[in-house]
């Protein structure tokens, strides 16, 4: 059906129609952290954390002659491993005016940005923990870097992240 001639409609007055903005912010970024959420939460007391690694001797048939004299095998040596503790940071800045004005979806911009930065930081830690980068001491102009779990897995190219 055709519009009656001379009708003023929403297209003519689009500039004066208020927008509809729901008071909700939808965050569609994934936040799963299966690795760091399930590993031990040990707290380091130094910039370099070490631990000992031991292993069992290789499995063998281990058949012995009845009544023979025992011979003694050399035990597998315990080795020391270590990883540097990496500093992670997320920063943001909010003007006083933005914090003061009425905003959609949040009351406080500072609290909202803090929550968002915290989630981003946890994702960055998960990313670094699962990465292939090797542990690095860093220096005055270079950041310390933790060895990601993938760097600790021996492969045909390396023997794992063993110092």
Protein backbone atom coordinates (compact mmCIF):
# COMPACT_ATOMS: atom_id res chain seq x y z
CA UNK A 1 0.00 0.00 0.00
CA UNK A 2 1.33 3.45 -0.80
CA UNK A 3 1.93 6.12 1.81
CA UNK A 4 -0.54 9.02 1.90
CA UNK A 5 0.94 12.09 0.17
CA UNK A 6 2.42 14.65 2.56
CA UNK A 7 2.92 12.16 5.43
CA UNK A 8 5.86 13.02 7.69
CA UNK A 9 7.47 9.70 8.61
CA UNK A 10 10.39 8.31 10.62
CA UNK A 11 12.71 8.67 7.62
CA UNK A 12 12.04 12.41 7.47
CA UNK A 13 12.60 12.85 11.21
CA UNK A 14 15.48 10.35 11.70
CA UNK A 15 17.73 13.00 13.24
CA UNK A 16 15.25 13.67 16.06
CA UNK A 17 14.46 10.06 16.99
CA UNK A 18 16.24 8.94 20.13
CA UNK A 19 18.50 5.96 19.78
CA UNK A 20 17.68 2.81 21.68
CA UNK A 21 20.71 1.79 23.68
CA UNK A 22 20.34 -1.07 26.13
CA UNK A 23 22.19 -0.74 29.41
CA UNK A 24 24.22 -3.91 28.77
CA UNK A 25 27.70 -4.56 27.37
CA UNK A 26 28.20 -7.95 25.74
CA UNK A 27 31.76 -9.26 25.77
CA UNK A 28 32.22 -11.90 23.08
CA UNK A 29 35.90 -12.68 23.74
CA UNK A 30 36.60 -16.21 24.98
CA UNK A 31 37.94 -16.42 28.54
CA UNK A 32 38.77 -20.13 28.84
CA UNK A 33 42.13 -20.79 30.53
CA UNK A 34 42.32 -24.57 30.81
CA UNK A 35 46.07 -24.76 31.46
CA UNK A 36 46.73 -22.05 34.05
CA UNK A 37 43.42 -22.70 35.79
CA UNK A 38 44.45 -26.30 36.46
CA UNK A 39 48.16 -26.18 37.25
CA UNK A 40 49.68 -25.83 40.69
CA UNK A 41 49.61 -22.31 42.05
CA UNK A 42 53.08 -22.24 43.60
CA UNK A 43 54.32 -18.79 44.54
CA UNK A 44 57.86 -17.93 43.55
CA UNK A 45 60.13 -16.13 45.98
CA UNK A 46 62.77 -15.14 43.45
CA UNK A 47 63.03 -14.06 39.82
CA UNK A 48 64.39 -17.54 39.01
CA UNK A 49 62.61 -20.60 40.34
CA UNK A 50 64.33 -23.99 40.33
CA UNK A 51 63.23 -27.56 40.98
CA UNK A 52 64.72 -31.02 40.76
CA UNK A 53 63.89 -33.57 38.08
CA UNK A 54 64.37 -37.25 38.51
CA UNK A 55 63.36 -40.17 36.34
CA UNK A 56 63.24 -43.94 36.49
CA UNK A 57 65.73 -46.10 34.65
CA UNK A 58 64.54 -47.46 31.33
CA UNK A 59 62.25 -50.45 31.59
CA UNK A 60 63.97 -53.80 30.99
CA UNK A 61 63.14 -57.50 30.88
CA UNK A 62 65.07 -57.90 34.16
CA UNK A 63 65.43 -61.71 34.20
CA UNK A 64 67.91 -62.94 36.83
CA UNK A 65 69.75 -66.24 37.19
CA UNK A 66 68.81 -68.16 40.30
CA UNK A 67 71.53 -67.75 42.94
CA UNK A 68 73.80 -65.38 41.01
CA UNK A 69 75.73 -62.50 42.55
CA UNK A 70 73.97 -59.15 42.25
CA UNK A 71 75.51 -56.44 40.12
CA UNK A 72 74.71 -52.83 40.74
CA UNK A 73 73.49 -50.37 38.15
CA UNK A 74 74.33 -46.68 38.13
CA UNK A 75 71.35 -44.62 39.33
CA UNK A 76 69.83 -41.95 37.13
CA UNK A 77 71.20 -38.57 38.21
CA UNK A 78 68.87 -35.91 39.56
CA UNK A 79 69.03 -32.71 37.50
CA UNK A 80 68.11 -29.16 38.40
CA UNK A 81 65.75 -27.22 36.15
CA UNK A 82 64.65 -23.61 36.37
CA UNK A 83 62.43 -20.98 34.84
CA UNK A 84 62.43 -17.20 35.06
CA UNK A 85 59.40 -15.41 36.42
CA UNK A 86 58.00 -13.08 33.80
CA UNK A 87 56.41 -9.76 34.69
CA UNK A 88 53.00 -9.34 33.09
CA UNK A 89 51.12 -6.03 33.07
CA UNK A 90 48.03 -4.40 31.58
CA UNK A 91 47.50 -0.67 31.95
CA UNK A 92 44.70 1.75 31.22
CA UNK A 93 43.85 5.37 31.95
CA UNK A 94 40.43 6.94 32.37
CA UNK A 95 39.77 10.66 32.46
CA UNK A 96 37.93 12.14 35.41
CA UNK A 97 35.22 13.40 33.09
CA UNK A 98 34.54 9.94 31.66
CA UNK A 99 34.34 8.49 35.17
CA UNK A 100 31.86 11.21 36.18
CA UNK A 101 29.39 11.09 33.25
CA UNK A 102 26.41 8.76 32.96
CA UNK A 103 27.48 5.75 30.87
CA UNK A 104 25.54 2.87 29.33
CA UNK A 105 26.30 -0.61 30.62
CA UNK A 106 28.46 0.38 33.58
CA UNK A 107 28.51 2.82 36.46
CA UNK A 108 32.28 3.10 36.83
CA UNK A 109 34.60 3.19 33.83
CA UNK A 110 37.58 2.53 36.12
CA UNK A 111 36.01 -0.64 37.54
CA UNK A 112 34.95 -1.78 34.07
CA UNK A 113 38.42 -1.23 32.58
CA UNK A 114 40.04 -2.91 35.61
CA UNK A 115 37.84 -5.99 35.18
CA UNK A 116 38.59 -6.10 31.46
CA UNK A 117 42.35 -5.65 31.97
CA UNK A 118 42.34 -8.44 34.56
CA UNK A 119 40.73 -10.84 32.10
CA UNK A 120 43.14 -9.81 29.34
CA UNK A 121 46.07 -10.32 31.72
CA UNK A 122 44.91 -13.84 32.63
CA UNK A 123 44.61 -14.67 28.92
CA UNK A 124 48.13 -13.28 28.28
CA UNK A 125 49.50 -15.48 31.09
CA UNK A 126 47.77 -18.53 29.59
CA UNK A 127 49.23 -17.65 26.17
CA UNK A 128 52.77 -17.31 27.60
CA UNK A 129 52.44 -20.46 29.72
CA UNK A 130 51.51 -22.54 26.68
CA UNK A 131 54.03 -20.89 24.33
CA UNK A 132 57.23 -22.19 22.74
CA UNK A 133 59.45 -19.35 23.97
CA UNK A 134 62.48 -20.41 26.01
CA UNK A 135 63.23 -19.10 29.47
CA UNK A 136 65.38 -15.94 29.37
CA UNK A 137 67.05 -13.99 32.17
CA UNK A 138 66.57 -10.61 30.52
CA UNK A 139 68.55 -7.55 31.52
CA UNK A 140 68.34 -3.81 32.14
CA UNK A 141 66.72 -3.20 28.75
CA UNK A 142 65.21 -6.62 28.04
CA UNK A 143 62.34 -8.22 29.94
CA UNK A 144 62.72 -11.58 31.68
CA UNK A 145 60.75 -14.22 29.86
CA UNK A 146 59.32 -17.44 31.21
CA UNK A 147 59.75 -20.62 29.24
CA UNK A 148 56.39 -21.80 27.94
CA UNK A 149 55.34 -25.40 28.46
CA UNK A 150 55.91 -26.22 24.79
CA UNK A 151 59.62 -25.33 25.19
CA UNK A 152 59.98 -27.96 27.93
CA UNK A 153 58.82 -30.84 25.72
CA UNK A 154 61.81 -32.56 24.08
CA UNK A 155 61.64 -32.88 20.30
CA UNK A 156 63.92 -33.81 17.42
CA UNK A 157 65.14 -30.17 17.37
CA UNK A 158 65.83 -29.73 21.08
CA UNK A 159 66.25 -31.56 24.37
CA UNK A 160 63.62 -29.45 26.13
CA UNK A 161 64.18 -26.19 28.00
CA UNK A 162 67.04 -27.59 30.09
CA UNK A 163 69.60 -25.02 31.21
